[in-house]
Amino acid sequence: MCNSECCISICMSIATILLALSSVAVNAADNPHYIMSVDTDGPGTQELLIGDYDKAIQRASLPLYKNSLAAHLTLCSAQIGLGNYHEAEPSCDTAVKLAKSSVVTARKAQGERDREGLAKAYSNRAILNRLLQRHQAAELDFASALRQKRQQDTIKHNRDVGLVNTMTASSD
């Protein structure tokens, strides 16, 4: 039997490690192999990490986060996790728009972090496009994400998962 303080400490350590990662696996209804990207400090991220997508949406939807890239990354990921692909579109699109704007106006030091956000936003929208069978749009978003030179392994993984699923679907 585990000492409750020990268990709590272990759970806290695991949660800290998960939060240190900038990507979270979302079990999308059609494909549990995509890796959605979020901002570790974003509203609703902790709820997203434990799979409480409704609570993540509730937190990230607060009016105070209307223009927050982190909130829109969370909303996009949570809606996809719930299988609500059409409901995810506005947040995925807004995340790309906010990230693009941030990169354009950023100072050099901040620009590196902003490019990370842009890579995440494009990658998430590419996954959504793939799930909606918009393969050409998905490829354009994956290419845009890869141009940011951030999250390369995650983006390539997601692109490859989509290609395998596309080929499998067309051979059925």
N, C-alpha and C. Protein backbone atom coordinates (compact mmCIF):
# COMPACT_ATOMS: atom_id res chain seq x y z
N MET A 1 0.85 -1.19 0.00
CA MET A 1 0.00 0.00 0.00
C MET A 1 0.89 1.24 0.00
N CYS A 2 0.51 2.19 -0.79
CA CYS A 2 1.31 3.40 -0.96
C CYS A 2 0.95 4.44 0.10
N ASN A 3 1.97 5.04 0.71
CA ASN A 3 1.77 6.15 1.63
C ASN A 3 1.14 7.30 0.86
N SER A 4 0.11 7.91 1.39
CA SER A 4 -0.61 8.95 0.64
C SER A 4 0.28 10.14 0.31
N GLU A 5 1.20 10.55 1.21
CA GLU A 5 2.11 11.64 0.90
C GLU A 5 3.04 11.25 -0.24
N CYS A 6 3.48 10.02 -0.22
CA CYS A 6 4.36 9.52 -1.29
C CYS A 6 3.62 9.51 -2.63
N CYS A 7 2.40 9.00 -2.62
CA CYS A 7 1.61 8.96 -3.86
C CYS A 7 1.36 10.36 -4.40
N ILE A 8 1.04 11.27 -3.51
CA ILE A 8 0.81 12.65 -3.93
C ILE A 8 2.07 13.23 -4.53
N SER A 9 3.21 12.95 -3.90
CA SER A 9 4.49 13.45 -4.40
C SER A 9 4.80 12.89 -5.78
N ILE A 10 4.56 11.60 -5.95
CA ILE A 10 4.80 10.97 -7.25
C ILE A 10 3.88 11.57 -8.30
N CYS A 11 2.60 11.71 -7.95
CA CYS A 11 1.63 12.29 -8.89
C CYS A 11 2.01 13.72 -9.26
N MET A 12 2.46 14.49 -8.28
CA MET A 12 2.87 15.87 -8.55
C MET A 12 4.09 15.88 -9.47
N SER A 13 5.02 14.96 -9.27
CA SER A 13 6.20 14.89 -10.13
C SER A 13 5.81 14.55 -11.56
N ILE A 14 4.90 13.60 -11.70
CA ILE A 14 4.44 13.21 -13.03
C ILE A 14 3.73 14.38 -13.69
N ALA A 15 2.87 15.07 -12.95
CA ALA A 15 2.15 16.22 -13.50
C ALA A 15 3.13 17.31 -13.93
N THR A 16 4.18 17.53 -13.13
CA THR A 16 5.18 18.53 -13.47
C THR A 16 5.90 18.17 -14.76
N ILE A 17 6.25 16.89 -14.89
CA ILE A 17 6.92 16.44 -16.12
C ILE A 17 5.99 16.64 -17.31
N LEU A 18 4.72 16.27 -17.16
CA LEU A 18 3.78 16.43 -18.26
C LEU A 18 3.61 17.90 -18.63
N LEU A 19 3.55 18.75 -17.64
CA LEU A 19 3.40 20.18 -17.92
C LEU A 19 4.66 20.75 -18.56
N ALA A 20 5.80 20.14 -18.29
CA ALA A 20 7.04 20.62 -18.90
C ALA A 20 7.06 20.34 -20.39
N LEU A 21 6.32 19.35 -20.81
CA LEU A 21 6.23 19.07 -22.23
C LEU A 21 5.31 20.10 -22.87
N SER A 22 5.57 20.48 -24.08
CA SER A 22 4.73 21.49 -24.71
C SER A 22 3.67 20.86 -25.59
N SER A 23 3.58 19.55 -25.60
CA SER A 23 2.57 18.88 -26.40
C SER A 23 1.83 17.89 -25.53
N VAL A 24 0.58 17.69 -25.88
CA VAL A 24 -0.25 16.75 -25.12
C VAL A 24 -0.98 15.86 -26.11
N ALA A 25 -0.99 14.59 -25.83
CA ALA A 25 -1.72 13.67 -26.71
C ALA A 25 -3.20 13.80 -26.41
N VAL A 26 -3.97 14.02 -27.44
CA VAL A 26 -5.42 14.13 -27.31
C VAL A 26 -6.02 12.92 -28.01
N ASN A 27 -6.88 12.23 -27.32
CA ASN A 27 -7.51 11.06 -27.91
C ASN A 27 -8.68 11.48 -28.78
N ALA A 28 -8.38 11.96 -29.97
CA ALA A 28 -9.42 12.34 -30.91
C ALA A 28 -10.22 11.09 -31.25
N ALA A 29 -11.52 11.26 -31.48
CA ALA A 29 -12.41 10.13 -31.69
C ALA A 29 -11.96 9.25 -32.85
N ASP A 30 -11.49 9.83 -33.93
CA ASP A 30 -11.11 9.05 -35.10
C ASP A 30 -9.66 8.58 -35.07
N ASN A 31 -8.82 9.22 -34.29
CA ASN A 31 -7.42 8.85 -34.32
C ASN A 31 -6.71 9.24 -33.03
N PRO A 32 -6.41 8.28 -32.18
CA PRO A 32 -5.76 8.60 -30.92
C PRO A 32 -4.25 8.82 -31.03
N HIS A 33 -3.71 8.84 -32.24
CA HIS A 33 -2.27 8.93 -32.39
C HIS A 33 -1.75 10.33 -32.68
N TYR A 34 -2.60 11.28 -32.91
CA TYR A 34 -2.14 12.65 -33.12
C TYR A 34 -1.67 13.24 -31.79
N ILE A 35 -0.73 14.17 -31.86
CA ILE A 35 -0.25 14.87 -30.67
C ILE A 35 -0.61 16.34 -30.84
N MET A 36 -1.55 16.80 -30.04
CA MET A 36 -1.96 18.20 -30.08
C MET A 36 -0.96 19.02 -29.28
N SER A 37 -0.75 20.26 -29.69
CA SER A 37 0.18 21.15 -29.01
C SER A 37 -0.56 22.23 -28.25
N VAL A 38 -0.10 22.47 -27.03
CA VAL A 38 -0.70 23.50 -26.18
C VAL A 38 0.41 24.30 -25.52
N ASP A 39 0.03 25.40 -24.91
CA ASP A 39 0.95 26.21 -24.12
C ASP A 39 0.85 25.69 -22.68
N THR A 40 1.96 25.30 -22.11
CA THR A 40 1.92 24.70 -20.77
C THR A 40 1.38 25.64 -19.70
N ASP A 41 1.44 26.93 -19.93
CA ASP A 41 0.93 27.89 -18.95
C ASP A 41 -0.47 28.40 -19.32
N GLY A 42 -1.07 27.81 -20.32
CA GLY A 42 -2.35 28.31 -20.82
C GLY A 42 -3.52 27.96 -19.93
N PRO A 43 -4.58 28.74 -20.03
CA PRO A 43 -5.79 28.45 -19.26
C PRO A 43 -6.42 27.14 -19.73
N GLY A 44 -6.71 26.27 -18.78
CA GLY A 44 -7.34 24.99 -19.10
C GLY A 44 -6.36 23.89 -19.48
N THR A 45 -5.06 24.20 -19.49
CA THR A 45 -4.08 23.19 -19.88
C THR A 45 -4.06 22.01 -18.92
N GLN A 46 -4.11 22.28 -17.63
CA GLN A 46 -4.09 21.18 -16.66
C GLN A 46 -5.30 20.27 -16.84
N GLU A 47 -6.46 20.85 -17.08
CA GLU A 47 -7.66 20.06 -17.31
C GLU A 47 -7.53 19.24 -18.60
N LEU A 48 -6.94 19.85 -19.61
CA LEU A 48 -6.72 19.16 -20.88
C LEU A 48 -5.80 17.95 -20.69
N LEU A 49 -4.75 18.14 -19.91
CA LEU A 49 -3.79 17.06 -19.68
C LEU A 49 -4.41 15.85 -18.99
N ILE A 50 -5.41 16.08 -18.16
CA ILE A 50 -6.05 14.94 -17.48
C ILE A 50 -7.28 14.45 -18.23
N GLY A 51 -7.55 15.05 -19.38
CA GLY A 51 -8.65 14.58 -20.22
C GLY A 51 -10.00 15.17 -19.90
N ASP A 52 -10.05 16.21 -19.08
CA ASP A 52 -11.32 16.87 -18.76
C ASP A 52 -11.53 18.00 -19.77
N TYR A 53 -11.89 17.63 -21.00
CA TYR A 53 -11.99 18.57 -22.10
C TYR A 53 -13.06 19.63 -21.86
N ASP A 54 -14.19 19.24 -21.29
CA ASP A 54 -15.26 20.22 -21.03
C ASP A 54 -14.79 21.29 -20.06
N LYS A 55 -14.08 20.90 -19.01
CA LYS A 55 -13.57 21.86 -18.04
C LYS A 55 -12.49 22.75 -18.68
N ALA A 56 -11.66 22.15 -19.55
CA ALA A 56 -10.63 22.93 -20.25
C ALA A 56 -11.29 24.00 -21.11
N ILE A 57 -12.36 23.62 -21.82
CA ILE A 57 -13.09 24.57 -22.66
C ILE A 57 -13.70 25.67 -21.81
N GLN A 58 -14.28 25.28 -20.69
CA GLN A 58 -14.90 26.26 -19.80
C GLN A 58 -13.86 27.29 -19.31
N ARG A 59 -12.70 26.83 -18.88
CA ARG A 59 -11.66 27.73 -18.39
C ARG A 59 -11.09 28.62 -19.49
N ALA A 60 -10.80 28.02 -20.65
CA ALA A 60 -10.18 28.78 -21.74
C ALA A 60 -11.15 29.73 -22.42
N SER A 61 -12.45 29.53 -22.21
CA SER A 61 -13.47 30.37 -22.84
C SER A 61 -13.81 31.63 -22.05
N LEU A 62 -13.21 31.81 -20.90
CA LEU A 62 -13.50 33.00 -20.10
C LEU A 62 -13.17 34.25 -20.92
N PRO A 63 -13.99 35.29 -20.83
CA PRO A 63 -13.78 36.51 -21.63
C PRO A 63 -12.38 37.11 -21.50
N LEU A 64 -11.77 36.94 -20.37
CA LEU A 64 -10.44 37.49 -20.14
C LEU A 64 -9.40 36.90 -21.09
N TYR A 65 -9.67 35.72 -21.66
CA TYR A 65 -8.73 35.05 -22.56
C TYR A 65 -9.11 35.16 -24.03
N LYS A 66 -9.99 36.08 -24.34
CA LYS A 66 -10.49 36.22 -25.72
C LYS A 66 -9.38 36.33 -26.76
N ASN A 67 -8.33 37.06 -26.44
CA ASN A 67 -7.23 37.28 -27.39
C ASN A 67 -5.95 36.54 -26.98
N SER A 68 -6.12 35.43 -26.29
CA SER A 68 -4.98 34.66 -25.81
C SER A 68 -4.68 33.48 -26.73
N LEU A 69 -3.48 33.44 -27.26
CA LEU A 69 -3.06 32.32 -28.09
C LEU A 69 -3.15 31.03 -27.30
N ALA A 70 -2.66 31.05 -26.06
CA ALA A 70 -2.68 29.84 -25.22
C ALA A 70 -4.10 29.31 -25.05
N ALA A 71 -5.06 30.20 -24.84
CA ALA A 71 -6.46 29.78 -24.66
C ALA A 71 -7.00 29.16 -25.93
N HIS A 72 -6.68 29.73 -27.07
CA HIS A 72 -7.19 29.19 -28.34
C HIS A 72 -6.52 27.86 -28.69
N LEU A 73 -5.26 27.68 -28.31
CA LEU A 73 -4.62 26.37 -28.49
C LEU A 73 -5.35 25.32 -27.64
N THR A 74 -5.69 25.70 -26.41
CA THR A 74 -6.43 24.79 -25.53
C THR A 74 -7.81 24.48 -26.10
N LEU A 75 -8.53 25.51 -26.52
CA LEU A 75 -9.88 25.31 -27.07
C LEU A 75 -9.85 24.41 -28.31
N CYS A 76 -8.91 24.66 -29.19
CA CYS A 76 -8.77 23.86 -30.40
C CYS A 76 -8.51 22.40 -30.03
N SER A 77 -7.56 22.17 -29.15
CA SER A 77 -7.20 20.81 -28.75
C SER A 77 -8.33 20.10 -28.03
N ALA A 78 -9.00 20.80 -27.14
CA ALA A 78 -10.09 20.18 -26.37
C ALA A 78 -11.27 19.81 -27.27
N GLN A 79 -11.63 20.69 -28.18
CA GLN A 79 -12.74 20.38 -29.09
C GLN A 79 -12.39 19.19 -29.99
N ILE A 80 -11.18 19.13 -30.45
CA ILE A 80 -10.75 17.98 -31.26
C ILE A 80 -10.78 16.72 -30.40
N GLY A 81 -10.32 16.84 -29.16
CA GLY A 81 -10.35 15.71 -28.25
C GLY A 81 -11.75 15.17 -28.02
N LEU A 82 -12.72 16.06 -28.05
CA LEU A 82 -14.13 15.65 -27.90
C LEU A 82 -14.73 15.16 -29.21
N GLY A 83 -14.00 15.32 -30.30
CA GLY A 83 -14.53 14.94 -31.60
C GLY A 83 -15.42 16.00 -32.22
N ASN A 84 -15.40 17.21 -31.66
CA ASN A 84 -16.20 18.34 -32.16
C ASN A 84 -15.37 19.14 -33.16
N TYR A 85 -15.14 18.54 -34.31
CA TYR A 85 -14.21 19.14 -35.27
C TYR A 85 -14.68 20.49 -35.79
N HIS A 86 -15.94 20.63 -36.12
CA HIS A 86 -16.42 21.91 -36.65
C HIS A 86 -16.41 22.99 -35.57
N GLU A 87 -16.65 22.60 -34.32
CA GLU A 87 -16.57 23.56 -33.23
C GLU A 87 -15.13 23.98 -32.96
N ALA A 88 -14.18 23.15 -33.34
CA ALA A 88 -12.76 23.47 -33.14
C ALA A 88 -12.24 24.49 -34.14
N GLU A 89 -12.88 24.56 -35.30
CA GLU A 89 -12.37 25.42 -36.38
C GLU A 89 -12.12 26.87 -35.97
N PRO A 90 -13.09 27.56 -35.36
CA PRO A 90 -12.83 28.97 -35.03
C PRO A 90 -11.62 29.15 -34.11
N SER A 91 -11.47 28.29 -33.13
CA SER A 91 -10.33 28.42 -32.21
C SER A 91 -9.02 28.09 -32.89
N CYS A 92 -9.02 27.07 -33.73
CA CYS A 92 -7.79 26.72 -34.46
C CYS A 92 -7.38 27.86 -35.39
N ASP A 93 -8.36 28.43 -36.10
CA ASP A 93 -8.08 29.56 -37.00
C ASP A 93 -7.61 30.79 -36.22
N THR A 94 -8.26 31.06 -35.10
CA THR A 94 -7.88 32.22 -34.28
C THR A 94 -6.48 32.04 -33.72
N ALA A 95 -6.12 30.82 -33.33
CA ALA A 95 -4.77 30.57 -32.82
C ALA A 95 -3.73 30.90 -33.88
N VAL A 96 -3.97 30.48 -35.12
CA VAL A 96 -3.03 30.79 -36.20
C VAL A 96 -2.96 32.31 -36.40
N LYS A 97 -4.10 32.96 -36.42
CA LYS A 97 -4.15 34.42 -36.64
C LYS A 97 -3.39 35.16 -35.52
N LEU A 98 -3.65 34.78 -34.27
CA LEU A 98 -2.98 35.44 -33.14
C LEU A 98 -1.47 35.18 -33.17
N ALA A 99 -1.09 33.95 -33.49
CA ALA A 99 0.33 33.61 -33.52
C ALA A 99 1.05 34.35 -34.65
N LYS A 100 0.42 34.44 -35.82
CA LYS A 100 1.02 35.19 -36.93
C LYS A 100 1.23 36.64 -36.54
N SER A 101 0.21 37.23 -35.97
CA SER A 101 0.28 38.63 -35.56
C SER A 101 1.38 38.84 -34.52
N SER A 102 1.51 37.92 -33.61
CA SER A 102 2.51 38.02 -32.56
C SER A 102 3.92 37.93 -33.13
N VAL A 103 4.13 37.06 -34.10
CA VAL A 103 5.45 36.91 -34.72
C VAL A 103 5.83 38.18 -35.46
N VAL A 104 4.88 38.78 -36.14
CA VAL A 104 5.15 39.99 -36.92
C VAL A 104 5.54 41.16 -36.02
N THR A 105 4.90 41.27 -34.86
CA THR A 105 5.14 42.43 -34.00
C THR A 105 6.16 42.17 -32.89
N ALA A 106 6.67 40.97 -32.79
CA ALA A 106 7.56 40.62 -31.68
C ALA A 106 8.95 41.20 -31.84
N ARG A 107 9.54 41.50 -30.70
CA ARG A 107 10.97 41.83 -30.68
C ARG A 107 11.73 40.52 -30.86
N LYS A 108 12.98 40.61 -31.19
CA LYS A 108 13.77 39.42 -31.51
C LYS A 108 13.72 38.37 -30.39
N ALA A 109 13.94 38.75 -29.16
CA ALA A 109 13.97 37.79 -28.05
C ALA A 109 12.62 37.09 -27.89
N GLN A 110 11.55 37.85 -27.96
CA GLN A 110 10.21 37.28 -27.83
C GLN A 110 9.84 36.49 -29.08
N GLY A 111 10.41 36.85 -30.20
CA GLY A 111 10.07 36.20 -31.47
C GLY A 111 10.30 34.70 -31.48
N GLU A 112 11.31 34.23 -30.75
CA GLU A 112 11.57 32.79 -30.70
C GLU A 112 10.40 32.05 -30.07
N ARG A 113 9.87 32.57 -28.98
CA ARG A 113 8.72 31.95 -28.32
C ARG A 113 7.49 32.06 -29.22
N ASP A 114 7.36 33.17 -29.92
CA ASP A 114 6.21 33.36 -30.80
C ASP A 114 6.24 32.38 -31.97
N ARG A 115 7.40 32.09 -32.48
CA ARG A 115 7.51 31.09 -33.56
C ARG A 115 7.09 29.71 -33.06
N GLU A 116 7.38 29.42 -31.81
CA GLU A 116 6.94 28.16 -31.19
C GLU A 116 5.41 28.11 -31.19
N GLY A 117 4.79 29.21 -30.81
CA GLY A 117 3.32 29.29 -30.80
C GLY A 117 2.75 29.13 -32.20
N LEU A 118 3.40 29.72 -33.19
CA LEU A 118 2.93 29.62 -34.56
C LEU A 118 3.04 28.18 -35.07
N ALA A 119 4.14 27.51 -34.73
CA ALA A 119 4.29 26.10 -35.13
C ALA A 119 3.18 25.25 -34.50
N LYS A 120 2.88 25.49 -33.24
CA LYS A 120 1.83 24.75 -32.54
C LYS A 120 0.47 25.00 -33.19
N ALA A 121 0.18 26.27 -33.47
CA ALA A 121 -1.12 26.62 -34.04
C ALA A 121 -1.31 25.99 -35.42
N TYR A 122 -0.29 26.07 -36.26
CA TYR A 122 -0.38 25.46 -37.59
C TYR A 122 -0.51 23.93 -37.49
N SER A 123 0.24 23.33 -36.59
CA SER A 123 0.19 21.88 -36.44
C SER A 123 -1.21 21.43 -36.00
N ASN A 124 -1.77 22.12 -35.01
CA ASN A 124 -3.11 21.75 -34.54
C ASN A 124 -4.15 21.92 -35.66
N ARG A 125 -4.05 23.02 -36.40
CA ARG A 125 -5.02 23.23 -37.49
C ARG A 125 -4.82 22.20 -38.60
N ALA A 126 -3.59 21.78 -38.83
CA ALA A 126 -3.33 20.73 -39.81
C ALA A 126 -4.01 19.42 -39.40
N ILE A 127 -3.93 19.09 -38.12
CA ILE A 127 -4.60 17.88 -37.63
C ILE A 127 -6.10 18.00 -37.85
N LEU A 128 -6.67 19.14 -37.51
CA LEU A 128 -8.10 19.35 -37.72
C LEU A 128 -8.46 19.19 -39.19
N ASN A 129 -7.67 19.81 -40.07
CA ASN A 129 -7.94 19.68 -41.51
C ASN A 129 -7.86 18.23 -41.96
N ARG A 130 -6.92 17.50 -41.43
CA ARG A 130 -6.80 16.08 -41.79
C ARG A 130 -8.04 15.31 -41.32
N LEU A 131 -8.48 15.58 -40.10
CA LEU A 131 -9.66 14.89 -39.56
C LEU A 131 -10.92 15.24 -40.34
N LEU A 132 -10.94 16.44 -40.91
CA LEU A 132 -12.09 16.86 -41.72
C LEU A 132 -11.91 16.48 -43.20
N GLN A 133 -10.91 15.67 -43.48
CA GLN A 133 -10.64 15.18 -44.84
C GLN A 133 -10.23 16.30 -45.80
N ARG A 134 -9.66 17.36 -45.28
CA ARG A 134 -9.14 18.47 -46.09
C ARG A 134 -7.62 18.29 -46.21
N HIS A 135 -7.24 17.31 -46.99
CA HIS A 135 -5.85 16.89 -47.02
C HIS A 135 -4.89 17.94 -47.59
N GLN A 136 -5.31 18.67 -48.59
CA GLN A 136 -4.44 19.70 -49.17
C GLN A 136 -4.21 20.83 -48.16
N ALA A 137 -5.27 21.26 -47.49
CA ALA A 137 -5.13 22.30 -46.47
C ALA A 137 -4.26 21.81 -45.32
N ALA A 138 -4.40 20.54 -44.97
CA ALA A 138 -3.57 19.97 -43.89
C ALA A 138 -2.09 20.01 -44.28
N GLU A 139 -1.79 19.63 -45.51
CA GLU A 139 -0.40 19.64 -45.96
C GLU A 139 0.18 21.05 -45.95
N LEU A 140 -0.62 22.03 -46.35
CA LEU A 140 -0.15 23.43 -46.33
C LEU A 140 0.15 23.87 -44.89
N ASP A 141 -0.73 23.50 -43.96
CA ASP A 141 -0.50 23.85 -42.56
C ASP A 141 0.70 23.12 -41.98
N PHE A 142 0.86 21.84 -42.30
CA PHE A 142 2.04 21.12 -41.82
C PHE A 142 3.31 21.77 -42.36
N ALA A 143 3.31 22.15 -43.64
CA ALA A 143 4.47 22.81 -44.23
C ALA A 143 4.76 24.14 -43.53
N SER A 144 3.71 24.91 -43.24
CA SER A 144 3.89 26.18 -42.54
C SER A 144 4.43 25.95 -41.13
N ALA A 145 3.95 24.92 -40.47
CA ALA A 145 4.44 24.59 -39.13
C ALA A 145 5.92 24.21 -39.17
N LEU A 146 6.29 23.40 -40.13
CA LEU A 146 7.68 22.96 -40.24
C LEU A 146 8.63 24.12 -40.56
N ARG A 147 8.15 25.13 -41.29
CA ARG A 147 8.98 26.30 -41.62
C ARG A 147 9.37 27.09 -40.38
N GLN A 148 8.66 26.92 -39.28
CA GLN A 148 8.96 27.66 -38.06
C GLN A 148 10.18 27.09 -37.33
N LYS A 149 10.63 25.91 -37.76
CA LYS A 149 11.81 25.26 -37.16
C LYS A 149 11.63 24.98 -35.67
N ARG A 150 10.40 24.70 -35.27
CA ARG A 150 10.08 24.36 -33.88
C ARG A 150 9.21 23.11 -33.90
N GLN A 151 9.28 22.32 -32.86
CA GLN A 151 8.39 21.16 -32.73
C GLN A 151 8.50 20.21 -33.93
N GLN A 152 9.65 20.13 -34.53
CA GLN A 152 9.82 19.36 -35.76
C GLN A 152 9.38 17.90 -35.63
N ASP A 153 9.81 17.22 -34.56
CA ASP A 153 9.47 15.81 -34.41
C ASP A 153 7.97 15.60 -34.25
N THR A 154 7.34 16.45 -33.45
CA THR A 154 5.89 16.34 -33.24
C THR A 154 5.13 16.60 -34.53
N ILE A 155 5.52 17.61 -35.25
CA ILE A 155 4.84 17.97 -36.50
C ILE A 155 5.02 16.86 -37.54
N LYS A 156 6.22 16.35 -37.67
CA LYS A 156 6.46 15.26 -38.63
C LYS A 156 5.68 14.02 -38.24
N HIS A 157 5.62 13.74 -36.95
CA HIS A 157 4.81 12.59 -36.47
C HIS A 157 3.36 12.76 -36.89
N ASN A 158 2.79 13.93 -36.62
CA ASN A 158 1.38 14.18 -36.95
C ASN A 158 1.14 14.09 -38.45
N ARG A 159 2.04 14.63 -39.23
CA ARG A 159 1.90 14.55 -40.69
C ARG A 159 1.94 13.09 -41.15
N ASP A 160 2.86 12.33 -40.58
CA ASP A 160 2.98 10.91 -40.96
C ASP A 160 1.76 10.10 -40.53
N VAL A 161 1.21 10.38 -39.35
CA VAL A 161 0.00 9.69 -38.90
C VAL A 161 -1.13 9.97 -39.89
N GLY A 162 -1.25 11.21 -40.30
CA GLY A 162 -2.29 11.58 -41.25
C GLY A 162 -2.11 10.90 -42.59
N LEU A 163 -0.88 10.80 -43.05
CA LEU A 163 -0.63 10.14 -44.34
C LEU A 163 -0.95 8.66 -44.27
N VAL A 164 -0.59 8.00 -43.18
CA VAL A 164 -0.89 6.58 -43.03
C VAL A 164 -2.40 6.37 -43.01
N ASN A 165 -3.12 7.21 -42.27
CA ASN A 165 -4.57 7.07 -42.19
C ASN A 165 -5.24 7.37 -43.53
N THR A 166 -4.71 8.34 -44.27
CA THR A 166 -5.26 8.66 -45.57
C THR A 166 -5.10 7.48 -46.53
N MET A 167 -3.90 6.88 -46.52
CA MET A 167 -3.66 5.74 -47.40
C MET A 167 -4.51 4.54 -46.99
N THR A 168 -4.69 4.32 -45.68
CA THR A 168 -5.51 3.22 -45.19
C THR A 168 -6.96 3.43 -45.60
N ALA A 169 -7.46 4.65 -45.46
CA ALA A 169 -8.85 4.95 -45.80
C ALA A 169 -9.09 4.77 -47.31
N SER A 170 -8.12 5.15 -48.12
CA SER A 170 -8.32 5.05 -49.57
C SER A 170 -8.20 3.61 -50.06
N SER A 171 -7.52 2.75 -49.30
CA SER A 171 -7.39 1.36 -49.73
C SER A 171 -8.56 0.49 -49.28
N ASP A 172 -9.42 1.02 -48.40
CA ASP A 172 -10.58 0.25 -47.91
C ASP A 172 -11.68 0.18 -48.92
